[in-house]
Protein backbone atom coordinates (compact mmCIF):
# COMPACT_ATOMS: atom_id res chain seq x y z
CA MET A 1 13.72 27.40 -38.36
CA ARG A 2 11.74 30.38 -39.67
CA SER A 3 14.93 32.20 -40.48
CA SER A 4 16.09 29.31 -42.71
CA GLY A 5 13.68 30.33 -45.48
CA LYS A 6 12.67 26.66 -45.87
CA LEU A 7 9.14 27.07 -44.51
CA PRO A 8 6.84 28.01 -47.41
CA PHE A 9 4.33 29.69 -45.09
CA ASP A 10 6.72 30.41 -42.23
CA GLN A 11 5.15 27.72 -40.04
CA LEU A 12 4.98 24.01 -39.34
CA PRO A 13 4.06 21.35 -40.28
CA THR A 14 5.97 20.65 -43.44
CA LEU A 15 6.66 17.51 -45.45
CA GLU A 16 9.82 17.13 -47.49
CA LEU A 17 9.54 15.12 -50.69
CA GLY A 18 12.96 15.10 -52.26
CA ASP A 19 13.75 18.74 -53.03
CA THR A 20 10.16 19.85 -52.54
CA THR A 21 8.73 21.11 -49.27
CA ILE A 22 4.98 20.85 -48.82
CA ALA A 23 3.35 23.03 -46.15
CA GLN A 24 -0.13 23.23 -44.63
CA SER A 25 -1.55 20.32 -42.65
CA CYS A 26 -4.47 19.54 -44.96
CA ALA A 27 -2.27 19.50 -48.07
CA ILE A 28 0.09 17.10 -46.29
CA ALA A 29 -2.81 14.95 -45.07
CA ARG A 30 -4.38 14.85 -48.56
CA TYR A 31 -1.06 13.76 -50.06
CA ALA A 32 -0.68 11.05 -47.38
CA ALA A 33 -4.29 9.90 -47.96
CA GLN A 34 -3.63 9.57 -51.69
CA GLU A 35 -0.44 7.62 -51.00
CA ALA A 36 -2.27 5.34 -48.55
CA GLY A 37 -5.18 4.73 -50.93
CA ILE A 38 -7.80 6.30 -48.64
CA TYR A 39 -8.48 9.34 -50.81
CA PRO A 40 -11.51 8.70 -53.07
CA LEU A 41 -10.79 8.23 -56.77
CA ASP A 42 -14.30 9.33 -57.73
CA ARG A 43 -14.22 13.13 -58.11
CA VAL A 44 -17.57 13.71 -56.41
CA GLN A 45 -16.64 11.49 -53.47
CA ALA A 46 -13.25 13.21 -53.33
CA ALA A 47 -14.98 16.60 -53.15
CA ARG A 48 -17.29 15.30 -50.41
CA SER A 49 -14.32 13.98 -48.45
CA ASP A 50 -12.60 17.37 -48.86
CA MET A 51 -15.80 19.00 -47.58
CA VAL A 52 -15.69 16.87 -44.40
CA VAL A 53 -12.01 17.56 -43.86
CA ASP A 54 -12.59 21.30 -44.32
CA ALA A 55 -15.39 21.12 -41.71
CA TRP A 56 -13.03 19.20 -39.39
CA ARG A 57 -10.42 21.92 -39.91
CA ASP A 58 -13.02 24.60 -39.15
CA LEU A 59 -13.95 22.82 -35.92
CA LEU A 60 -10.31 22.41 -34.94
CA ASP A 61 -9.59 26.08 -35.68
CA ILE A 62 -12.52 27.14 -33.49
CA LEU A 63 -11.20 24.87 -30.72
CA TYR A 64 -7.73 26.43 -31.03
CA GLY A 65 -9.38 29.86 -30.98
CA CYS A 66 -10.69 29.05 -27.51
CA TYR A 67 -7.05 29.00 -26.41
CA VAL A 68 -5.18 31.50 -28.54
CA ASP A 69 -5.43 34.74 -30.43
CA ARG A 70 -3.76 34.48 -33.84
CA ILE A 71 -2.00 37.70 -34.66
CA VAL A 72 0.60 38.94 -37.11
CA GLU A 73 3.58 40.75 -35.62
CA ASN A 74 6.51 41.89 -37.70
CA GLY A 75 5.27 39.86 -40.66
CA GLN A 76 5.00 36.61 -38.66
CA LEU A 77 1.88 34.73 -37.60
CA LEU A 78 1.94 34.24 -33.84
CA MET A 79 -0.37 32.58 -31.39
CA LYS A 80 -0.81 34.32 -28.04
CA MET A 81 -2.34 32.24 -25.25
CA ARG A 82 -5.58 33.61 -23.79
CA GLN A 83 -6.20 33.99 -20.06
CA ALA A 84 -7.38 30.74 -18.44
CA SER A 85 -10.77 32.18 -17.46
CA LEU A 86 -11.45 33.22 -21.07
CA ARG A 87 -10.36 29.80 -22.35
CA VAL A 88 -12.93 28.14 -20.08
CA GLU A 89 -15.66 30.56 -21.15
CA ARG A 90 -14.94 29.92 -24.82
CA LEU A 91 -14.70 26.15 -24.34
CA ASP A 92 -18.10 26.11 -22.64
CA GLN A 93 -19.61 27.86 -25.66
CA PHE A 94 -17.67 25.62 -28.06
CA PHE A 95 -19.05 22.44 -26.46
CA THR A 96 -22.56 23.85 -26.08
CA VAL A 97 -23.04 25.39 -29.54
CA THR A 98 -20.33 24.56 -32.06
CA VAL A 99 -19.65 20.90 -31.34
CA PRO A 100 -23.31 19.75 -31.47
CA MET A 101 -23.80 21.63 -34.75
CA HIS A 102 -20.82 19.91 -36.41
CA LEU A 103 -21.40 16.46 -34.89
CA GLY A 104 -25.04 16.60 -35.97
CA ARG A 105 -23.97 17.28 -39.54
CA PHE A 106 -21.40 14.48 -39.52
CA GLU A 107 -23.99 12.11 -38.03
CA GLN A 108 -26.45 13.03 -40.80
CA MET A 109 -23.82 12.44 -43.49
CA ILE A 110 -23.35 8.88 -42.25
CA ALA A 111 -27.12 8.38 -42.06
CA ASP A 112 -27.46 9.59 -45.66
CA ASN A 113 -24.60 7.41 -46.95
CA GLN A 114 -26.68 4.48 -48.24
CA GLY A 115 -26.17 2.16 -45.25
CA SER A 116 -22.42 2.66 -45.10
CA PRO A 117 -20.90 3.19 -41.64
CA PHE A 118 -18.56 5.80 -43.16
CA LEU A 119 -18.98 9.48 -44.03
CA VAL A 120 -18.19 9.16 -47.76
CA GLY A 121 -18.51 6.05 -49.88
CA SER A 122 -18.39 2.45 -48.73
CA SER A 123 -14.89 2.30 -47.26
CA LEU A 124 -12.65 4.23 -44.89
CA THR A 125 -11.39 7.57 -46.23
CA TRP A 126 -9.30 10.39 -44.89
CA ALA A 127 -12.58 12.15 -44.03
CA ASP A 128 -13.38 9.40 -41.52
CA LEU A 129 -9.92 9.72 -40.00
CA ALA A 130 -10.32 13.49 -39.66
CA VAL A 131 -13.62 13.09 -37.80
CA PHE A 132 -12.10 10.26 -35.74
CA ASP A 133 -9.30 12.65 -34.75
CA ILE A 134 -11.68 15.32 -33.45
CA LEU A 135 -13.80 12.73 -31.65
CA TYR A 136 -10.73 11.45 -29.82
CA THR A 137 -9.49 14.98 -29.13
CA LEU A 138 -12.83 15.98 -27.58
CA ASP A 139 -13.15 12.79 -25.51
CA VAL A 140 -13.25 13.52 -21.78
CA SER A 141 -10.92 10.57 -21.14
CA ALA A 142 -8.20 11.95 -23.42
CA ASN A 143 -5.00 12.62 -21.48
CA LEU A 144 -4.50 15.92 -23.25
CA TRP A 145 -7.17 17.56 -21.06
CA ARG A 146 -5.42 16.47 -17.83
CA THR A 147 -1.72 16.57 -18.66
CA PRO A 148 0.00 19.87 -17.77
CA SER A 149 2.49 19.66 -20.66
CA THR A 150 -0.24 19.64 -23.32
CA PHE A 151 -1.74 22.56 -25.21
CA PHE A 152 -5.29 21.80 -24.01
CA TYR A 153 -4.53 21.67 -20.30
CA ILE A 154 -5.90 24.55 -18.21
CA PRO A 155 -4.37 24.91 -14.74
CA GLU A 156 -6.22 25.45 -11.48
CA PRO A 157 -8.22 27.34 -10.36
CA TYR A 158 -9.96 27.28 -13.78
CA GLY A 159 -9.05 23.76 -14.77
CA PRO A 160 -8.37 21.12 -15.63
CA TYR A 161 -11.20 21.55 -18.11
CA GLN A 162 -13.42 18.53 -18.74
CA PRO A 163 -15.37 18.09 -21.96
CA PRO A 164 -18.91 16.72 -21.59
CA LYS A 165 -18.83 13.08 -20.46
CA LYS A 166 -21.58 11.88 -22.82
CA LEU A 167 -20.51 13.86 -25.87
CA LEU A 168 -21.47 11.16 -28.39
CA GLU A 169 -24.67 10.03 -26.66
CA LEU A 170 -26.83 11.73 -29.31
CA TYR A 171 -24.63 10.57 -32.19
CA PRO A 172 -24.67 6.74 -32.34
CA LYS A 173 -23.31 6.57 -35.88
CA LEU A 174 -20.29 8.69 -34.90
CA GLU A 175 -19.80 6.52 -31.81
CA ALA A 176 -19.83 3.45 -34.06
CA LEU A 177 -17.39 5.09 -36.49
CA LYS A 178 -15.03 5.91 -33.63
CA LYS A 179 -15.16 2.30 -32.39
CA THR A 180 -14.67 0.86 -35.88
CA ILE A 181 -11.63 3.02 -36.59
CA SER A 182 -10.09 2.54 -33.14
CA ARG A 183 -10.26 -1.25 -33.67
CA THR A 184 -8.42 -1.09 -37.00
CA PRO A 185 -5.16 -2.96 -36.18
CA HIS A 186 -2.62 -0.29 -37.23
CA ILE A 187 -4.65 2.49 -35.65
CA ALA A 188 -5.19 0.49 -32.45
CA ALA A 189 -1.43 -0.09 -32.22
CA TRP A 190 -0.75 3.62 -32.81
CA LEU A 191 -3.26 4.66 -30.14
CA GLN A 192 -1.72 2.19 -27.68
CA ALA A 193 1.73 3.69 -28.26
CA HIS A 194 0.54 7.32 -28.58
CA PRO A 195 -2.58 7.89 -26.47
CA TYR A 196 -4.42 11.18 -26.93
């Protein structure tokens, strides 16, 4: 597909809108959020939602960095898988240092949001869905940590890796957000059909 010249940044994902190809996951997600009516119309709230999504992306990139080195070879961005022992070492640090820092900030944003159970404003936004995504990804019960065909699986003798069991224990507002979103009918149906 790279050789087709149809990938604006030589990588996936892409979204085709008529004759236009949109690349980069956050640009695609922002477009989808606007189409779905979950992107704030207020410019300050929109900027705050972008801030949360950028922090989510940072956290996800650090998680991916536990697994891969991103390098450029022959003008192409490649991801080279790290040794299993190094993945475990980096994941331990990720869950000990990075995750609590980010979850604490997300928790505080909800606490500061004038009694709303959401991160930005009084209704669900794409920022909430981004944080929901990372909460589900980091959940110890997620299949992706135990299923050999997934990116996050680490084989024996170093794995399978298990995230902390009580990850959200110190973050009750994030736990409540996760429950609220997972009970939303369309999302609940999606999760039933496509478990993490």
